[in-house]
Amino acid sequence: MESGKENSDWMFFCNNAKGKDYDPKVKKYVLCNFNKPPFEVQTTKYTVPYDSLYHFGAIRIKGEIYFTGGGMSATSTSPEKYYQIVMRITVAPIMICDKMANMNVERASHAMAAINNSLIYVAGGCNGTGELSSCEEYNIETNKWQEIAQMNEKKRWITLIGHENKYLYAFGGMLDKALDTIECFDTSVKKTWTIIKIGTGNELWKTRFFSCAIPFSSTSIMLLGGIVDGAESKECLMFNTTDNSLSRAADLLKVDAFYLARPGFSEDRFLIVGDREEDLHIFEKKYMKWTLMSKTIWNPEYRTDLKSDTI
C-alpha cells in the first residue's frame, strides 16, 4: 500500500472553498474503523494555525497528518499568497499540532505521496511564477526537505502515488490544458523522471486530472474517476507496472473527482469520499465491483454536527 498498513483505517477529504461560512483554517478528515463489520465511518475536522483556502496537500503517516502548502486568493487589501509551510498533527494519545520545516518552494495544487512510511514527496503544483516541475523529498526523522529531480513537464493537479515502497508514478495533470503524460521516479536511485509509454491498451488512455490512484497489487495500480478528456468520469482503469499496459476495471456507479481525497483500505475493500457530492465509493475486491453510499446515509450529521478539534 502507498503509505503502509498503519494508514489503512484513514480517509481524507476536504471540499475546501464551499459555502459562505467556510473557514480556511479548517481541515476535515474521515476515520474508518474496519474492525466493526463491515466498517464504521467517523468524521471530524482540525483547525490548524494558518490560512490556506485552496489546494493544500495532506497525507497521513504513522498516525500523524501532514499538511503542506496551499494558497489564498488575492483580495482588495492583499495579494495572492502561496505557502511553503508544513504542519503536522499528531492524533493520539493527545492531539498536538507542530510546525515542521518549510518546503523549499511555495506551492499549491501540488501532489503528495509517501514511501516506506518515512519519506514524503511533493511534486509539481503552482505558485506566483506559474506551474512547477520541481519536486521535493521530506525525511520525517530528520525534519529536512531536499529538492530532487524535476519532472519532465511543469504541471499541477497531478495524480501521484507511491508503489511498492520504491517508485513514484505521476499520472496526468494540468498545464494550460489537461495532460495525458505518465512519469515514473525510482526513489532508490533518485536520478531522473522517466516518461512512460503505454503499450497494450493505449487507446484507453486520455487526458486526466483530479483522478485517484490506488495501489491494487504489487504489479498494478487502479486509476479511478476524475476529469477525463474534459468531463467528469466514472471510468476506472488498471495500470500494469510490469509492462505498462492498461485494461478496464469496473466503473464507479457515479461520475466523481478526487482531488483532495485519499482512500481507506482493508484486505477485502477500499473506500473513498468523492469531491462532487461527498458520496462514499466502496470497492469490494472479492466481487470486483463498486457500491455507493450518499452523504446522507454514511454521514448524515456532517453538515450540522461535525466534531471540531481546534489546535
C-alpha atoms as a PDB file:
ATOM      1  CA  MET A   1       0.000   0.000   0.000  1.00  0.00           C
ATOM      2  CA  GLU A   2       1.089   3.560  -0.621  1.00  0.00           C
ATOM      3  CA  SER A   3       1.722   4.592   2.954  1.00  0.00           C
ATOM      4  CA  GLY A   4       1.712   1.299   4.820  1.00  0.00           C
ATOM      5  CA  LYS A   5      -0.745  -0.698   6.872  1.00  0.00           C
ATOM      6  CA  GLU A   6      -0.987   1.965   9.548  1.00  0.00           C
ATOM      7  CA  ASN A   7      -2.836   4.196   7.106  1.00  0.00           C
ATOM      8  CA  SER A   8      -5.420   1.612   6.162  1.00  0.00           C
ATOM      9  CA  ASP A   9      -8.102   2.923   8.502  1.00  0.00           C
ATOM     10  CA  TRP A  10      -7.974   6.507   7.315  1.00  0.00           C
ATOM     11  CA  MET A  11      -9.528   8.543   4.542  1.00  0.00           C
ATOM     12  CA  PHE A  12      -9.062  12.217   3.877  1.00  0.00           C
ATOM     13  CA  PHE A  13     -11.275  14.622   2.012  1.00  0.00           C
ATOM     14  CA  CYS A  14     -11.894  18.338   2.037  1.00  0.00           C
ATOM     15  CA  ASN A  15     -14.204  20.300  -0.223  1.00  0.00           C
ATOM     16  CA  ASN A  16     -12.407  23.438   0.821  1.00  0.00           C
ATOM     17  CA  ALA A  17     -13.891  26.514  -0.815  1.00  0.00           C
ATOM     18  CA  LYS A  18     -17.576  25.801  -0.497  1.00  0.00           C
ATOM     19  CA  GLY A  19     -20.105  27.857   1.375  1.00  0.00           C
ATOM     20  CA  LYS A  20     -20.115  31.364   2.752  1.00  0.00           C
ATOM     21  CA  ASP A  21     -19.145  30.152   6.237  1.00  0.00           C
ATOM     22  CA  TYR A  22     -16.033  28.273   5.138  1.00  0.00           C
ATOM     23  CA  ASP A  23     -13.040  28.749   7.435  1.00  0.00           C
ATOM     24  CA  PRO A  24      -9.715  28.367   5.558  1.00  0.00           C
ATOM     25  CA  LYS A  25      -8.023  27.105   8.724  1.00  0.00           C
ATOM     26  CA  VAL A  26     -10.333  24.084   8.925  1.00  0.00           C
ATOM     27  CA  LYS A  27      -9.157  20.735   7.535  1.00  0.00           C
ATOM     28  CA  LYS A  28     -11.519  17.766   7.635  1.00  0.00           C
ATOM     29  CA  TYR A  29     -10.735  14.078   7.788  1.00  0.00           C
ATOM     30  CA  VAL A  30     -12.585  10.792   7.954  1.00  0.00           C
ATOM     31  CA  LEU A  31     -11.667   7.826  10.146  1.00  0.00           C
ATOM     32  CA  CYS A  32     -12.756   4.335   9.121  1.00  0.00           C
ATOM     33  CA  ASN A  33     -12.937   1.500  11.634  1.00  0.00           C
ATOM     34  CA  PHE A  34     -12.780  -1.770   9.710  1.00  0.00           C
ATOM     35  CA  ASN A  35     -12.962  -3.782  12.946  1.00  0.00           C
ATOM     36  CA  LYS A  36     -16.700  -3.150  13.118  1.00  0.00           C
ATOM     37  CA  PRO A  37     -18.243  -5.132  10.268  1.00  0.00           C
ATOM     38  CA  PRO A  38     -18.461  -4.147   7.561  1.00  0.00           C
ATOM     39  CA  PHE A  39     -16.927  -0.829   8.671  1.00  0.00           C
ATOM     40  CA  GLU A  40     -17.700   2.248  10.725  1.00  0.00           C
ATOM     41  CA  VAL A  41     -17.048   5.756   9.459  1.00  0.00           C
ATOM     42  CA  GLN A  42     -16.479   8.761  11.690  1.00  0.00           C
ATOM     43  CA  THR A  43     -15.799  12.333  10.617  1.00  0.00           C
ATOM     44  CA  THR A  44     -14.021  15.132  12.365  1.00  0.00           C
ATOM     45  CA  LYS A  45     -12.075  18.250  11.485  1.00  0.00           C
ATOM     46  CA  TYR A  46      -8.961  20.081  12.604  1.00  0.00           C
ATOM     47  CA  THR A  47      -8.368  23.794  12.770  1.00  0.00           C
ATOM     48  CA  VAL A  48      -4.712  24.471  12.024  1.00  0.00           C
ATOM     49  CA  PRO A  49      -2.997  27.824  12.639  1.00  0.00           C
ATOM     50  CA  TYR A  50      -2.588  29.040   9.087  1.00  0.00           C
ATOM     51  CA  ASP A  51      -4.925  30.006   6.257  1.00  0.00           C
ATOM     52  CA  SER A  52      -4.801  28.024   3.056  1.00  0.00           C
ATOM     53  CA  LEU A  53      -8.049  28.449   1.248  1.00  0.00           C
ATOM     54  CA  TYR A  54      -7.336  26.104  -1.620  1.00  0.00           C
ATOM     55  CA  HIS A  55      -5.261  23.246  -2.872  1.00  0.00           C
ATOM     56  CA  PHE A  56      -3.030  22.409   0.064  1.00  0.00           C
ATOM     57  CA  GLY A  57      -1.604  18.882   0.315  1.00  0.00           C
ATOM     58  CA  ALA A  58      -2.336  16.301   3.006  1.00  0.00           C
ATOM     59  CA  ILE A  59      -1.090  12.827   3.847  1.00  0.00           C
ATOM     60  CA  ARG A  60      -1.163  10.575   6.908  1.00  0.00           C
ATOM     61  CA  ILE A  61       1.942   8.722   8.115  1.00  0.00           C
ATOM     62  CA  LYS A  62       2.104   6.616  11.305  1.00  0.00           C
ATOM     63  CA  GLY A  63      -0.924   8.236  12.877  1.00  0.00           C
ATOM     64  CA  GLU A  64       0.192  11.766  12.005  1.00  0.00           C
ATOM     65  CA  ILE A  65      -1.318  14.058   9.382  1.00  0.00           C
ATOM     66  CA  TYR A  66       0.972  16.374   7.404  1.00  0.00           C
ATOM     67  CA  PHE A  67      -0.498  19.451   5.715  1.00  0.00           C
ATOM     68  CA  THR A  68       1.676  21.224   3.145  1.00  0.00           C
ATOM     69  CA  GLY A  69       1.487  24.491   1.255  1.00  0.00           C
ATOM     70  CA  GLY A  70      -1.675  25.836  -0.318  1.00  0.00           C
ATOM     71  CA  GLY A  71      -2.751  29.299  -1.347  1.00  0.00           C
ATOM     72  CA  MET A  72      -5.034  32.243  -0.694  1.00  0.00           C
ATOM     73  CA  SER A  73      -6.720  34.252  -3.414  1.00  0.00           C
ATOM     74  CA  ALA A  74      -5.995  37.945  -3.803  1.00  0.00           C
ATOM     75  CA  THR A  75      -8.320  40.399  -2.093  1.00  0.00           C
ATOM     76  CA  SER A  76      -8.776  44.142  -2.304  1.00  0.00           C
ATOM     77  CA  THR A  77      -6.265  44.545   0.533  1.00  0.00           C
ATOM     78  CA  SER A  78      -3.753  41.733  -0.046  1.00  0.00           C
ATOM     79  CA  PRO A  79      -2.109  39.965  -3.000  1.00  0.00           C
ATOM     80  CA  GLU A  80      -2.442  36.275  -3.797  1.00  0.00           C
ATOM     81  CA  LYS A  81      -0.428  34.131  -1.387  1.00  0.00           C
ATOM     82  CA  TYR A  82       1.303  30.773  -1.653  1.00  0.00           C
ATOM     83  CA  TYR A  83       2.818  28.846   1.239  1.00  0.00           C
ATOM     84  CA  GLN A  84       5.911  26.774   1.967  1.00  0.00           C
ATOM     85  CA  ILE A  85       4.561  25.951   5.404  1.00  0.00           C
ATOM     86  CA  VAL A  86       4.255  22.386   6.731  1.00  0.00           C
ATOM     87  CA  MET A  87       2.095  21.458   9.732  1.00  0.00           C
ATOM     88  CA  ARG A  88       1.963  18.088  11.497  1.00  0.00           C
ATOM     89  CA  ILE A  89      -0.992  16.969  13.570  1.00  0.00           C
ATOM     90  CA  THR A  90      -0.493  14.075  15.961  1.00  0.00           C
ATOM     91  CA  VAL A  91      -3.851  12.475  16.644  1.00  0.00           C
ATOM     92  CA  ALA A  92      -3.140  10.219  19.647  1.00  0.00           C
ATOM     93  CA  PRO A  93      -2.727   9.848  22.581  1.00  0.00           C
ATOM     94  CA  ILE A  94      -3.285  13.605  22.711  1.00  0.00           C
ATOM     95  CA  MET A  95      -3.764  15.995  19.845  1.00  0.00           C
ATOM     96  CA  ILE A  96      -0.733  18.163  19.083  1.00  0.00           C
ATOM     97  CA  CYS A  97      -0.018  20.480  16.170  1.00  0.00           C
ATOM     98  CA  ASP A  98       3.608  21.206  15.275  1.00  0.00           C
ATOM     99  CA  LYS A  99       5.128  23.451  12.644  1.00  0.00           C
ATOM    100  CA  MET A 100       7.705  21.443  10.718  1.00  0.00           C
ATOM    101  CA  ALA A 101      10.490  22.523   8.365  1.00  0.00           C
ATOM    102  CA  ASN A 102       9.217  24.528   5.404  1.00  0.00           C
ATOM    103  CA  MET A 103       9.316  23.188   1.877  1.00  0.00           C
ATOM    104  CA  ASN A 104      11.975  24.766  -0.329  1.00  0.00           C
ATOM    105  CA  VAL A 105       9.353  26.164  -2.709  1.00  0.00           C
ATOM    106  CA  GLU A 106       5.975  27.814  -2.172  1.00  0.00           C
ATOM    107  CA  ARG A 107       3.372  25.665  -3.856  1.00  0.00           C
ATOM    108  CA  ALA A 108      -0.333  24.942  -4.130  1.00  0.00           C
ATOM    109  CA  SER A 109      -2.224  22.398  -6.261  1.00  0.00           C
ATOM    110  CA  HIS A 110       0.686  20.011  -5.737  1.00  0.00           C
ATOM    111  CA  ALA A 111       0.601  16.244  -5.228  1.00  0.00           C
ATOM    112  CA  MET A 112       1.876  14.198  -2.265  1.00  0.00           C
ATOM    113  CA  ALA A 113       2.873  10.567  -1.780  1.00  0.00           C
ATOM    114  CA  ALA A 114       4.839   8.548   0.773  1.00  0.00           C
ATOM    115  CA  ILE A 115       7.482   5.832   0.617  1.00  0.00           C
ATOM    116  CA  ASN A 116       8.328   3.430   3.471  1.00  0.00           C
ATOM    117  CA  ASN A 117       6.379   5.495   5.992  1.00  0.00           C
ATOM    118  CA  SER A 118       9.486   7.643   6.349  1.00  0.00           C
ATOM    119  CA  LEU A 119       9.753   9.811   3.233  1.00  0.00           C
ATOM    120  CA  ILE A 120       7.151  12.236   1.901  1.00  0.00           C
ATOM    121  CA  TYR A 121       7.293  13.523  -1.653  1.00  0.00           C
ATOM    122  CA  VAL A 122       5.653  16.597  -3.156  1.00  0.00           C
ATOM    123  CA  ALA A 123       5.536  17.129  -6.905  1.00  0.00           C
ATOM    124  CA  GLY A 124       4.563  19.974  -9.175  1.00  0.00           C
ATOM    125  CA  GLY A 125       1.807  22.439  -8.381  1.00  0.00           C
ATOM    126  CA  CYS A 126       1.895  26.170  -8.946  1.00  0.00           C
ATOM    127  CA  ASN A 127       2.785  29.457  -7.278  1.00  0.00           C
ATOM    128  CA  GLY A 128       3.190  33.086  -8.290  1.00  0.00           C
ATOM    129  CA  THR A 129       5.617  32.094 -11.058  1.00  0.00           C
ATOM    130  CA  GLY A 130       3.202  29.644 -12.704  1.00  0.00           C
ATOM    131  CA  GLU A 131       3.154  25.849 -12.848  1.00  0.00           C
ATOM    132  CA  LEU A 132       6.050  23.914 -11.357  1.00  0.00           C
ATOM    133  CA  SER A 133       8.076  20.872 -12.408  1.00  0.00           C
ATOM    134  CA  SER A 134      10.065  20.855  -9.167  1.00  0.00           C
ATOM    135  CA  CYS A 135       9.805  18.027  -6.640  1.00  0.00           C
ATOM    136  CA  GLU A 136      10.924  17.684  -3.031  1.00  0.00           C
ATOM    137  CA  GLU A 137      11.585  14.892  -0.554  1.00  0.00           C
ATOM    138  CA  TYR A 138      10.914  15.218   3.181  1.00  0.00           C
ATOM    139  CA  ASN A 139      12.657  12.966   5.680  1.00  0.00           C
ATOM    140  CA  ILE A 140      10.388  12.557   8.700  1.00  0.00           C
ATOM    141  CA  GLU A 141      13.236  11.522  11.020  1.00  0.00           C
ATOM    142  CA  THR A 142      15.499  14.485  10.227  1.00  0.00           C
ATOM    143  CA  ASN A 143      12.703  17.024   9.577  1.00  0.00           C
ATOM    144  CA  LYS A 144      14.504  18.164   6.431  1.00  0.00           C
ATOM    145  CA  TRP A 145      13.407  18.810   2.847  1.00  0.00           C
ATOM    146  CA  GLN A 146      15.648  18.373  -0.164  1.00  0.00           C
ATOM    147  CA  GLU A 147      14.922  19.087  -3.806  1.00  0.00           C
ATOM    148  CA  ILE A 148      15.076  16.083  -6.100  1.00  0.00           C
ATOM    149  CA  ALA A 149      14.976  15.691  -9.885  1.00  0.00           C
ATOM    150  CA  GLN A 150      12.394  17.783 -11.684  1.00  0.00           C
ATOM    151  CA  MET A 151       9.634  16.181 -13.700  1.00  0.00           C
ATOM    152  CA  ASN A 152       9.768  16.430 -17.472  1.00  0.00           C
ATOM    153  CA  GLU A 153       6.795  18.826 -17.522  1.00  0.00           C
ATOM    154  CA  LYS A 154       5.516  21.689 -15.416  1.00  0.00           C
ATOM    155  CA  LYS A 155       2.067  20.762 -14.115  1.00  0.00           C
ATOM    156  CA  ARG A 156      -0.443  20.897 -11.286  1.00  0.00           C
ATOM    157  CA  TRP A 157      -3.288  18.625 -10.172  1.00  0.00           C
ATOM    158  CA  ILE A 158      -1.216  15.505 -10.745  1.00  0.00           C
ATOM    159  CA  THR A 159      -2.339  12.095  -9.536  1.00  0.00           C
ATOM    160  CA  LEU A 160       0.738  10.933  -7.603  1.00  0.00           C
ATOM    161  CA  ILE A 161       1.179   7.547  -5.957  1.00  0.00           C
ATOM    162  CA  GLY A 162       3.959   5.626  -4.229  1.00  0.00           C
ATOM    163  CA  HIS A 163       4.152   1.988  -5.305  1.00  0.00           C
ATOM    164  CA  GLU A 164       5.973  -0.964  -3.740  1.00  0.00           C
ATOM    165  CA  ASN A 165       7.788   1.452  -1.405  1.00  0.00           C
ATOM    166  CA  LYS A 166      10.147   2.357  -4.223  1.00  0.00           C
ATOM    167  CA  TYR A 167       8.515   4.048  -7.189  1.00  0.00           C
ATOM    168  CA  LEU A 168       6.553   7.255  -7.653  1.00  0.00           C
ATOM    169  CA  TYR A 169       4.052   7.389 -10.508  1.00  0.00           C
ATOM    170  CA  ALA A 170       2.638  10.724 -11.687  1.00  0.00           C
ATOM    171  CA  PHE A 171      -0.463  10.430 -13.867  1.00  0.00           C
ATOM    172  CA  GLY A 172      -1.875  13.288 -15.939  1.00  0.00           C
ATOM    173  CA  GLY A 173      -2.222  16.788 -14.558  1.00  0.00           C
ATOM    174  CA  MET A 174      -2.822  20.254 -15.961  1.00  0.00           C
ATOM    175  CA  LEU A 175      -0.716  22.964 -17.563  1.00  0.00           C
ATOM    176  CA  ASP A 176      -2.602  25.282 -19.905  1.00  0.00           C
ATOM    177  CA  LYS A 177      -4.605  22.188 -20.829  1.00  0.00           C
ATOM    178  CA  ALA A 178      -5.146  18.732 -19.383  1.00  0.00           C
ATOM    179  CA  LEU A 179      -2.260  16.291 -19.855  1.00  0.00           C
ATOM    180  CA  ASP A 180      -2.016  12.582 -20.628  1.00  0.00           C
ATOM    181  CA  THR A 181       1.588  12.132 -19.504  1.00  0.00           C
ATOM    182  CA  ILE A 182       2.715   9.348 -17.148  1.00  0.00           C
ATOM    183  CA  GLU A 183       6.041   9.786 -15.369  1.00  0.00           C
ATOM    184  CA  CYS A 184       7.902   7.397 -13.050  1.00  0.00           C
ATOM    185  CA  PHE A 185      10.629   8.111 -10.479  1.00  0.00           C
ATOM    186  CA  ASP A 186      12.767   5.460  -8.786  1.00  0.00           C
ATOM    187  CA  THR A 187      13.282   6.757  -5.233  1.00  0.00           C
ATOM    188  CA  SER A 188      16.127   4.299  -4.623  1.00  0.00           C
ATOM    189  CA  VAL A 189      18.165   5.859  -7.430  1.00  0.00           C
ATOM    190  CA  LYS A 190      16.834   9.437  -7.373  1.00  0.00           C
ATOM    191  CA  LYS A 191      18.172  10.462 -10.753  1.00  0.00           C
ATOM    192  CA  THR A 192      15.508  11.327 -13.297  1.00  0.00           C
ATOM    193  CA  TRP A 193      11.798  11.004 -14.009  1.00  0.00           C
ATOM    194  CA  THR A 194      11.067   8.614 -16.872  1.00  0.00           C
ATOM    195  CA  ILE A 195       8.223   9.187 -19.334  1.00  0.00           C
ATOM    196  CA  ILE A 196       6.089   6.034 -19.534  1.00  0.00           C
ATOM    197  CA  LYS A 197       4.676   4.979 -22.868  1.00  0.00           C
ATOM    198  CA  ILE A 198       1.510   2.870 -22.721  1.00  0.00           C
ATOM    199  CA  GLY A 199       1.761  -0.436 -24.552  1.00  0.00           C
ATOM    200  CA  THR A 200      -1.305  -2.663 -24.719  1.00  0.00           C
ATOM    201  CA  GLY A 201      -4.470  -0.664 -24.064  1.00  0.00           C
ATOM    202  CA  ASN A 202      -3.085   2.688 -25.180  1.00  0.00           C
ATOM    203  CA  GLU A 203      -6.438   3.511 -26.780  1.00  0.00           C
ATOM    204  CA  LEU A 204      -7.885   3.672 -23.251  1.00  0.00           C
ATOM    205  CA  TRP A 205      -5.529   6.410 -22.115  1.00  0.00           C
ATOM    206  CA  LYS A 206      -6.791  10.009 -22.175  1.00  0.00           C
ATOM    207  CA  THR A 207      -6.021  13.344 -20.591  1.00  0.00           C
ATOM    208  CA  ARG A 208      -6.963  13.424 -16.906  1.00  0.00           C
ATOM    209  CA  PHE A 209      -6.671  15.280 -13.641  1.00  0.00           C
ATOM    210  CA  PHE A 210      -8.414  15.074 -10.244  1.00  0.00           C
ATOM    211  CA  SER A 211      -8.270  11.274 -10.567  1.00  0.00           C
ATOM    212  CA  CYS A 212      -7.400   8.922  -7.704  1.00  0.00           C
ATOM    213  CA  ALA A 213      -4.747   6.201  -7.853  1.00  0.00           C
ATOM    214  CA  ILE A 214      -4.894   3.163  -5.581  1.00  0.00           C
ATOM    215  CA  PRO A 215      -2.113   0.551  -5.205  1.00  0.00           C
ATOM    216  CA  PHE A 216      -4.124  -2.537  -6.130  1.00  0.00           C
ATOM    217  CA  SER A 217      -1.362  -5.162  -6.075  1.00  0.00           C
ATOM    218  CA  SER A 218       2.403  -5.468  -6.305  1.00  0.00           C
ATOM    219  CA  THR A 219       2.144  -5.064 -10.087  1.00  0.00           C
ATOM    220  CA  SER A 220      -0.966  -2.939 -10.596  1.00  0.00           C
ATOM    221  CA  ILE A 221      -2.420   0.474  -9.840  1.00  0.00           C
ATOM    222  CA  MET A 222      -6.108   1.318 -10.160  1.00  0.00           C
ATOM    223  CA  LEU A 223      -6.988   4.740 -11.577  1.00  0.00           C
ATOM    224  CA  LEU A 224     -10.489   5.996 -10.946  1.00  0.00           C
ATOM    225  CA  GLY A 225     -12.675   8.915 -11.891  1.00  0.00           C
ATOM    226  CA  GLY A 226     -11.539  12.490 -12.265  1.00  0.00           C
ATOM    227  CA  ILE A 227     -11.811  14.879 -15.175  1.00  0.00           C
ATOM    228  CA  VAL A 228     -11.122  12.639 -18.153  1.00  0.00           C
ATOM    229  CA  ASP A 229     -10.993  14.140 -21.644  1.00  0.00           C
ATOM    230  CA  GLY A 230     -12.609  17.290 -20.275  1.00  0.00           C
ATOM    231  CA  ALA A 231     -15.580  15.750 -18.455  1.00  0.00           C
ATOM    232  CA  GLU A 232     -16.234  14.213 -15.037  1.00  0.00           C
ATOM    233  CA  SER A 233     -15.868  10.469 -15.361  1.00  0.00           C
ATOM    234  CA  LYS A 234     -16.750   7.200 -13.656  1.00  0.00           C
ATOM    235  CA  GLU A 235     -14.122   5.327 -15.670  1.00  0.00           C
ATOM    236  CA  CYS A 236     -11.727   3.011 -13.829  1.00  0.00           C
ATOM    237  CA  LEU A 237      -8.558   1.601 -15.359  1.00  0.00           C
ATOM    238  CA  MET A 238      -5.921  -0.869 -14.201  1.00  0.00           C
ATOM    239  CA  PHE A 239      -2.319   0.102 -14.934  1.00  0.00           C
ATOM    240  CA  ASN A 240       0.144  -2.797 -15.007  1.00  0.00           C
ATOM    241  CA  THR A 241       3.538  -1.614 -13.751  1.00  0.00           C
ATOM    242  CA  THR A 242       5.352  -4.627 -15.228  1.00  0.00           C
ATOM    243  CA  ASP A 243       4.602  -3.979 -18.885  1.00  0.00           C
ATOM    244  CA  ASN A 244       2.965  -0.504 -18.728  1.00  0.00           C
ATOM    245  CA  SER A 245      -0.283  -1.847 -20.130  1.00  0.00           C
ATOM    246  CA  LEU A 246      -3.824  -0.664 -19.421  1.00  0.00           C
ATOM    247  CA  SER A 247      -7.048  -2.587 -19.024  1.00  0.00           C
ATOM    248  CA  ARG A 248     -10.574  -1.711 -17.950  1.00  0.00           C
ATOM    249  CA  ALA A 249     -11.826  -2.240 -14.411  1.00  0.00           C
ATOM    250  CA  ALA A 250     -15.366  -1.919 -13.078  1.00  0.00           C
ATOM    251  CA  ASP A 251     -16.571   1.663 -13.417  1.00  0.00           C
ATOM    252  CA  LEU A 252     -17.735   3.761 -10.494  1.00  0.00           C
ATOM    253  CA  LEU A 253     -21.501   3.844 -10.174  1.00  0.00           C
ATOM    254  CA  LYS A 254     -21.457   7.622 -10.470  1.00  0.00           C
ATOM    255  CA  VAL A 255     -19.122  10.187 -12.009  1.00  0.00           C
ATOM    256  CA  ASP A 256     -16.820  11.784  -9.448  1.00  0.00           C
ATOM    257  CA  ALA A 257     -13.489  13.519  -8.916  1.00  0.00           C
ATOM    258  CA  PHE A 258     -10.945  13.011  -6.142  1.00  0.00           C
ATOM    259  CA  TYR A 259      -8.633  15.987  -5.933  1.00  0.00           C
ATOM    260  CA  LEU A 260      -8.107  16.130  -2.186  1.00  0.00           C
ATOM    261  CA  ALA A 261      -9.230  12.647  -1.206  1.00  0.00           C
ATOM    262  CA  ARG A 262      -7.312   9.583  -0.074  1.00  0.00           C
ATOM    263  CA  PRO A 263      -8.758   6.077   0.247  1.00  0.00           C
ATOM    264  CA  GLY A 264      -9.056   3.826   3.284  1.00  0.00           C
ATOM    265  CA  PHE A 265      -8.106   0.148   2.941  1.00  0.00           C
ATOM    266  CA  SER A 266      -8.823  -3.250   4.369  1.00  0.00           C
ATOM    267  CA  GLU A 267      -7.885  -6.629   2.902  1.00  0.00           C
ATOM    268  CA  ASP A 268     -11.173  -7.025   1.075  1.00  0.00           C
ATOM    269  CA  ARG A 269     -12.316  -3.492   0.288  1.00  0.00           C
ATOM    270  CA  PHE A 270     -11.359   0.125  -0.044  1.00  0.00           C
ATOM    271  CA  LEU A 271     -13.376   3.298   0.451  1.00  0.00           C
ATOM    272  CA  ILE A 272     -13.019   6.847  -0.811  1.00  0.00           C
ATOM    273  CA  VAL A 273     -15.099  10.018  -0.499  1.00  0.00           C
ATOM    274  CA  GLY A 274     -15.745  11.897  -3.737  1.00  0.00           C
ATOM    275  CA  ASP A 275     -15.468  15.634  -4.230  1.00  0.00           C
ATOM    276  CA  ARG A 276     -18.672  16.081  -6.192  1.00  0.00           C
ATOM    277  CA  GLU A 277     -21.377  15.359  -3.614  1.00  0.00           C
ATOM    278  CA  GLU A 278     -19.317  13.641  -0.914  1.00  0.00           C
ATOM    279  CA  ASP A 279     -20.601  10.206  -1.879  1.00  0.00           C
ATOM    280  CA  LEU A 280     -18.755   7.257  -0.356  1.00  0.00           C
ATOM    281  CA  HIS A 281     -17.470   4.874  -3.045  1.00  0.00           C
ATOM    282  CA  ILE A 282     -16.823   1.323  -1.804  1.00  0.00           C
ATOM    283  CA  PHE A 283     -14.932  -1.265  -3.832  1.00  0.00           C
ATOM    284  CA  GLU A 284     -15.365  -4.945  -2.908  1.00  0.00           C
ATOM    285  CA  LYS A 285     -12.300  -6.857  -4.083  1.00  0.00           C
ATOM    286  CA  LYS A 286     -13.988 -10.260  -3.874  1.00  0.00           C
ATOM    287  CA  TYR A 287     -16.629  -9.201  -6.381  1.00  0.00           C
ATOM    288  CA  MET A 288     -14.512  -6.606  -8.205  1.00  0.00           C
ATOM    289  CA  LYS A 289     -17.342  -4.109  -8.147  1.00  0.00           C
ATOM    290  CA  TRP A 290     -18.398  -0.822  -6.588  1.00  0.00           C
ATOM    291  CA  THR A 291     -21.222   0.123  -4.274  1.00  0.00           C
ATOM    292  CA  LEU A 292     -22.197   3.658  -3.331  1.00  0.00           C
ATOM    293  CA  MET A 293     -23.431   5.464  -0.216  1.00  0.00           C
ATOM    294  CA  SER A 294     -24.703   9.018  -0.394  1.00  0.00           C
ATOM    295  CA  LYS A 295     -23.535  11.541   2.179  1.00  0.00           C
ATOM    296  CA  THR A 296     -26.907  11.483   3.907  1.00  0.00           C
ATOM    297  CA  ILE A 297     -26.547   7.731   4.527  1.00  0.00           C
ATOM    298  CA  TRP A 298     -22.905   7.322   5.503  1.00  0.00           C
ATOM    299  CA  ASN A 299     -22.617  10.630   7.341  1.00  0.00           C
ATOM    300  CA  PRO A 300     -25.981  12.319   7.872  1.00  0.00           C
ATOM    301  CA  GLU A 301     -24.707  14.609  10.639  1.00  0.00           C
ATOM    302  CA  TYR A 302     -21.807  16.002   8.612  1.00  0.00           C
ATOM    303  CA  ARG A 303     -23.221  19.457   7.885  1.00  0.00           C
ATOM    304  CA  THR A 304     -24.756  20.124  11.271  1.00  0.00           C
ATOM    305  CA  ASP A 305     -22.784  18.293  13.930  1.00  0.00           C
ATOM    306  CA  LEU A 306     -19.229  17.751  12.775  1.00  0.00           C
ATOM    307  CA  LYS A 307     -16.916  17.237  15.722  1.00  0.00           C
ATOM    308  CA  SER A 308     -14.325  20.020  15.869  1.00  0.00           C
ATOM    309  CA  ASP A 309     -10.829  19.648  17.266  1.00  0.00           C
ATOM    310  CA  THR A 310      -9.109  23.022  17.381  1.00  0.00           C
ATOM    311  CA  ILE A 311      -5.364  23.262  17.743  1.00  0.00           C
END
